[in-house]
Amino acid sequence: MDAIQQHLLDTYRTARLGVPPPPPPGRHDGEVLRELGRRLRHALGAPDRRPGAR
């Protein structure tokens, strides 16, 4: 089962239960990759490139 099929199944289930649907697949991919890159740079001892970061 791919991500779209799982999302459709989860959306169907939440509609039956009357709860909010899950976010679409891939919505947070950029945020996750940025955080992983930040953690990797920190682990390697590289300075943080974010503005205002210490």
PDB file of N, CA and C in Angstrom:
ATOM      1  N   MET A   1       0.853  -1.169   0.000  1.00  0.00           N
ATOM      2  CA  MET A   1       0.000   0.000   0.000  1.00  0.00           C
ATOM      3  C   MET A   1       0.901   1.235   0.000  1.00  0.00           C
ATOM      4  N   ASP A   2       0.631   2.154  -0.911  1.00  0.00           N
ATOM      5  CA  ASP A   2       1.446   3.361  -0.959  1.00  0.00           C
ATOM      6  C   ASP A   2       0.842   4.455  -0.066  1.00  0.00           C
ATOM      7  N   ALA A   3       1.522   5.585   0.004  1.00  0.00           N
ATOM      8  CA  ALA A   3       1.115   6.660   0.917  1.00  0.00           C
ATOM      9  C   ALA A   3      -0.266   7.216   0.577  1.00  0.00           C
ATOM     10  N   ILE A   4      -0.576   7.347  -0.692  1.00  0.00           N
ATOM     11  CA  ILE A   4      -1.882   7.893  -1.096  1.00  0.00           C
ATOM     12  C   ILE A   4      -3.003   6.939  -0.699  1.00  0.00           C
ATOM     13  N   GLN A   5      -2.803   5.658  -0.931  1.00  0.00           N
ATOM     14  CA  GLN A   5      -3.825   4.680  -0.549  1.00  0.00           C
ATOM     15  C   GLN A   5      -4.032   4.678   0.963  1.00  0.00           C
ATOM     16  N   GLN A   6      -2.945   4.750   1.718  1.00  0.00           N
ATOM     17  CA  GLN A   6      -3.061   4.786   3.184  1.00  0.00           C
ATOM     18  C   GLN A   6      -3.788   6.046   3.629  1.00  0.00           C
ATOM     19  N   HIS A   7      -3.489   7.167   2.988  1.00  0.00           N
ATOM     20  CA  HIS A   7      -4.156   8.426   3.330  1.00  0.00           C
ATOM     21  C   HIS A   7      -5.654   8.337   3.057  1.00  0.00           C
ATOM     22  N   LEU A   8      -6.020   7.765   1.922  1.00  0.00           N
ATOM     23  CA  LEU A   8      -7.443   7.621   1.600  1.00  0.00           C
ATOM     24  C   LEU A   8      -8.152   6.718   2.608  1.00  0.00           C
ATOM     25  N   LEU A   9      -7.505   5.639   3.010  1.00  0.00           N
ATOM     26  CA  LEU A   9      -8.085   4.741   4.002  1.00  0.00           C
ATOM     27  C   LEU A   9      -8.234   5.459   5.351  1.00  0.00           C
ATOM     28  N   ASP A  10      -7.203   6.184   5.760  1.00  0.00           N
ATOM     29  CA  ASP A  10      -7.266   6.926   7.024  1.00  0.00           C
ATOM     30  C   ASP A  10      -8.344   8.010   6.986  1.00  0.00           C
ATOM     31  N   THR A  11      -8.477   8.674   5.833  1.00  0.00           N
ATOM     32  CA  THR A  11      -9.509   9.709   5.688  1.00  0.00           C
ATOM     33  C   THR A  11     -10.901   9.098   5.790  1.00  0.00           C
ATOM     34  N   TYR A  12     -11.089   7.955   5.170  1.00  0.00           N
ATOM     35  CA  TYR A  12     -12.370   7.257   5.251  1.00  0.00           C
ATOM     36  C   TYR A  12     -12.688   6.881   6.700  1.00  0.00           C
ATOM     37  N   ARG A  13     -11.703   6.314   7.389  1.00  0.00           N
ATOM     38  CA  ARG A  13     -11.916   5.912   8.783  1.00  0.00           C
ATOM     39  C   ARG A  13     -12.255   7.104   9.672  1.00  0.00           C
ATOM     40  N   THR A  14     -11.540   8.220   9.502  1.00  0.00           N
ATOM     41  CA  THR A  14     -11.814   9.385  10.346  1.00  0.00           C
ATOM     42  C   THR A  14     -13.187   9.976  10.038  1.00  0.00           C
ATOM     43  N   ALA A  15     -13.610   9.915   8.773  1.00  0.00           N
ATOM     44  CA  ALA A  15     -14.944  10.408   8.423  1.00  0.00           C
ATOM     45  C   ALA A  15     -16.018   9.556   9.102  1.00  0.00           C
ATOM     46  N   ARG A  16     -15.801   8.255   9.165  1.00  0.00           N
ATOM     47  CA  ARG A  16     -16.766   7.364   9.830  1.00  0.00           C
ATOM     48  C   ARG A  16     -16.810   7.605  11.333  1.00  0.00           C
ATOM     49  N   LEU A  17     -15.642   7.970  11.911  1.00  0.00           N
ATOM     50  CA  LEU A  17     -15.571   8.190  13.357  1.00  0.00           C
ATOM     51  C   LEU A  17     -15.909   9.622  13.759  1.00  0.00           C
ATOM     52  N   GLY A  18     -15.979  10.522  12.775  1.00  0.00           N
ATOM     53  CA  GLY A  18     -16.315  11.913  13.058  1.00  0.00           C
ATOM     54  C   GLY A  18     -15.165  12.699  13.675  1.00  0.00           C
ATOM     55  N   VAL A  19     -13.938  12.329  13.368  1.00  0.00           N
ATOM     56  CA  VAL A  19     -12.773  13.064  13.876  1.00  0.00           C
ATOM     57  C   VAL A  19     -12.080  13.756  12.696  1.00  0.00           C
ATOM     58  N   PRO A  20     -11.214  14.740  12.969  1.00  0.00           N
ATOM     59  CA  PRO A  20     -10.538  15.452  11.867  1.00  0.00           C
ATOM     60  C   PRO A  20      -9.656  14.516  11.042  1.00  0.00           C
ATOM     61  N   PRO A  21      -9.589  14.753   9.729  1.00  0.00           N
ATOM     62  CA  PRO A  21      -8.761  13.900   8.871  1.00  0.00           C
ATOM     63  C   PRO A  21      -7.272  14.160   9.089  1.00  0.00           C
ATOM     64  N   PRO A  22      -6.434  13.192   8.725  1.00  0.00           N
ATOM     65  CA  PRO A  22      -4.994  13.377   8.848  1.00  0.00           C
ATOM     66  C   PRO A  22      -4.484  14.348   7.777  1.00  0.00           C
ATOM     67  N   PRO A  23      -3.293  14.941   7.972  1.00  0.00           N
ATOM     68  CA  PRO A  23      -2.743  15.817   6.922  1.00  0.00           C
ATOM     69  C   PRO A  23      -2.359  14.988   5.698  1.00  0.00           C
ATOM     70  N   PRO A  24      -2.371  15.604   4.526  1.00  0.00           N
ATOM     71  CA  PRO A  24      -1.998  14.860   3.329  1.00  0.00           C
ATOM     72  C   PRO A  24      -0.540  14.408   3.381  1.00  0.00           C
ATOM     73  N   PRO A  25      -0.216  13.306   2.726  1.00  0.00           N
ATOM     74  CA  PRO A  25       1.162  12.817   2.739  1.00  0.00           C
ATOM     75  C   PRO A  25       2.106  13.823   2.080  1.00  0.00           C
ATOM     76  N   GLY A  26       3.287  13.965   2.677  1.00  0.00           N
ATOM     77  CA  GLY A  26       4.290  14.867   2.133  1.00  0.00           C
ATOM     78  C   GLY A  26       4.185  16.294   2.617  1.00  0.00           C
ATOM     79  N   ARG A  27       3.193  16.606   3.402  1.00  0.00           N
ATOM     80  CA  ARG A  27       2.970  17.983   3.821  1.00  0.00           C
ATOM     81  C   ARG A  27       4.110  18.517   4.684  1.00  0.00           C
ATOM     82  N   HIS A  28       4.726  17.673   5.496  1.00  0.00           N
ATOM     83  CA  HIS A  28       5.764  18.124   6.414  1.00  0.00           C
ATOM     84  C   HIS A  28       7.160  17.658   6.004  1.00  0.00           C
ATOM     85  N   ASP A  29       7.327  17.184   4.781  1.00  0.00           N
ATOM     86  CA  ASP A  29       8.615  16.643   4.353  1.00  0.00           C
ATOM     87  C   ASP A  29       9.741  17.676   4.447  1.00  0.00           C
ATOM     88  N   GLY A  30       9.500  18.894   3.988  1.00  0.00           N
ATOM     89  CA  GLY A  30      10.536  19.925   4.014  1.00  0.00           C
ATOM     90  C   GLY A  30      10.978  20.248   5.423  1.00  0.00           C
ATOM     91  N   GLU A  31      10.012  20.365   6.322  1.00  0.00           N
ATOM     92  CA  GLU A  31      10.325  20.656   7.725  1.00  0.00           C
ATOM     93  C   GLU A  31      11.151  19.528   8.351  1.00  0.00           C
ATOM     94  N   VAL A  32      10.794  18.299   8.059  1.00  0.00           N
ATOM     95  CA  VAL A  32      11.523  17.142   8.596  1.00  0.00           C
ATOM     96  C   VAL A  32      12.953  17.121   8.058  1.00  0.00           C
ATOM     97  N   LEU A  33      13.126  17.362   6.759  1.00  0.00           N
ATOM     98  CA  LEU A  33      14.471  17.359   6.178  1.00  0.00           C
ATOM     99  C   LEU A  33      15.333  18.482   6.750  1.00  0.00           C
ATOM    100  N   ARG A  34      14.753  19.672   6.956  1.00  0.00           N
ATOM    101  CA  ARG A  34      15.520  20.775   7.563  1.00  0.00           C
ATOM    102  C   ARG A  34      15.969  20.411   8.965  1.00  0.00           C
ATOM    103  N   GLU A  35      15.082  19.815   9.751  1.00  0.00           N
ATOM    104  CA  GLU A  35      15.427  19.432  11.124  1.00  0.00           C
ATOM    105  C   GLU A  35      16.511  18.354  11.135  1.00  0.00           C
ATOM    106  N   LEU A  36      16.419  17.378  10.236  1.00  0.00           N
ATOM    107  CA  LEU A  36      17.449  16.345  10.157  1.00  0.00           C
ATOM    108  C   LEU A  36      18.801  16.949   9.773  1.00  0.00           C
ATOM    109  N   GLY A  37      18.797  17.872   8.833  1.00  0.00           N
ATOM    110  CA  GLY A  37      20.035  18.540   8.439  1.00  0.00           C
ATOM    111  C   GLY A  37      20.624  19.337   9.583  1.00  0.00           C
ATOM    112  N   ARG A  38      19.782  20.014  10.343  1.00  0.00           N
ATOM    113  CA  ARG A  38      20.247  20.787  11.495  1.00  0.00           C
ATOM    114  C   ARG A  38      20.874  19.873  12.533  1.00  0.00           C
ATOM    115  N   ARG A  39      20.231  18.747  12.793  1.00  0.00           N
ATOM    116  CA  ARG A  39      20.771  17.796  13.775  1.00  0.00           C
ATOM    117  C   ARG A  39      22.087  17.186  13.305  1.00  0.00           C
ATOM    118  N   LEU A  40      22.184  16.907  12.002  1.00  0.00           N
ATOM    119  CA  LEU A  40      23.420  16.343  11.465  1.00  0.00           C
ATOM    120  C   LEU A  40      24.559  17.354  11.579  1.00  0.00           C
ATOM    121  N   ARG A  41      24.284  18.611  11.204  1.00  0.00           N
ATOM    122  CA  ARG A  41      25.322  19.640  11.335  1.00  0.00           C
ATOM    123  C   ARG A  41      25.758  19.792  12.784  1.00  0.00           C
ATOM    124  N   HIS A  42      24.809  19.750  13.701  1.00  0.00           N
ATOM    125  CA  HIS A  42      25.133  19.857  15.124  1.00  0.00           C
ATOM    126  C   HIS A  42      25.995  18.673  15.570  1.00  0.00           C
ATOM    127  N   ALA A  43      25.652  17.471  15.127  1.00  0.00           N
ATOM    128  CA  ALA A  43      26.408  16.278  15.510  1.00  0.00           C
ATOM    129  C   ALA A  43      27.832  16.327  14.958  1.00  0.00           C
ATOM    130  N   LEU A  44      28.008  16.954  13.792  1.00  0.00           N
ATOM    131  CA  LEU A  44      29.326  17.052  13.184  1.00  0.00           C
ATOM    132  C   LEU A  44      30.115  18.263  13.686  1.00  0.00           C
ATOM    133  N   GLY A  45      29.470  19.096  14.498  1.00  0.00           N
ATOM    134  CA  GLY A  45      30.150  20.256  15.063  1.00  0.00           C
ATOM    135  C   GLY A  45      30.146  21.473  14.171  1.00  0.00           C
ATOM    136  N   ALA A  46      29.352  21.479  13.108  1.00  0.00           N
ATOM    137  CA  ALA A  46      29.268  22.639  12.212  1.00  0.00           C
ATOM    138  C   ALA A  46      28.390  23.708  12.850  1.00  0.00           C
ATOM    139  N   PRO A  47      28.657  24.979  12.571  1.00  0.00           N
ATOM    140  CA  PRO A  47      27.825  26.046  13.152  1.00  0.00           C
ATOM    141  C   PRO A  47      26.407  26.016  12.582  1.00  0.00           C
ATOM    142  N   ASP A  48      25.468  26.455  13.390  1.00  0.00           N
ATOM    143  CA  ASP A  48      24.060  26.527  12.969  1.00  0.00           C
ATOM    144  C   ASP A  48      23.891  27.730  12.046  1.00  0.00           C
ATOM    145  N   ARG A  49      23.222  27.532  10.898  1.00  0.00           N
ATOM    146  CA  ARG A  49      23.100  28.594   9.911  1.00  0.00           C
ATOM    147  C   ARG A  49      21.831  29.410  10.057  1.00  0.00           C
ATOM    148  N   ARG A  50      20.973  29.082  11.020  1.00  0.00           N
ATOM    149  CA  ARG A  50      19.724  29.833  11.172  1.00  0.00           C
ATOM    150  C   ARG A  50      20.011  31.229  11.698  1.00  0.00           C
ATOM    151  N   PRO A  51      19.276  32.242  11.229  1.00  0.00           N
ATOM    152  CA  PRO A  51      19.463  33.596  11.748  1.00  0.00           C
ATOM    153  C   PRO A  51      19.131  33.643  13.243  1.00  0.00           C
ATOM    154  N   GLY A  52      19.998  34.232  14.006  1.00  0.00           N
ATOM    155  CA  GLY A  52      19.759  34.373  15.438  1.00  0.00           C
ATOM    156  C   GLY A  52      20.090  33.139  16.240  1.00  0.00           C
ATOM    157  N   ALA A  53      20.595  32.086  15.610  1.00  0.00           N
ATOM    158  CA  ALA A  53      20.948  30.862  16.338  1.00  0.00           C
ATOM    159  C   ALA A  53      22.280  31.052  17.038  1.00  0.00           C
ATOM    160  N   ARG A  54      22.442  30.379  18.151  1.00  0.00           N
ATOM    161  CA  ARG A  54      23.686  30.506  18.919  1.00  0.00           C
ATOM    162  C   ARG A  54      24.644  29.403  18.617  1.00  0.00           C
TER     163      ARG A  54
END
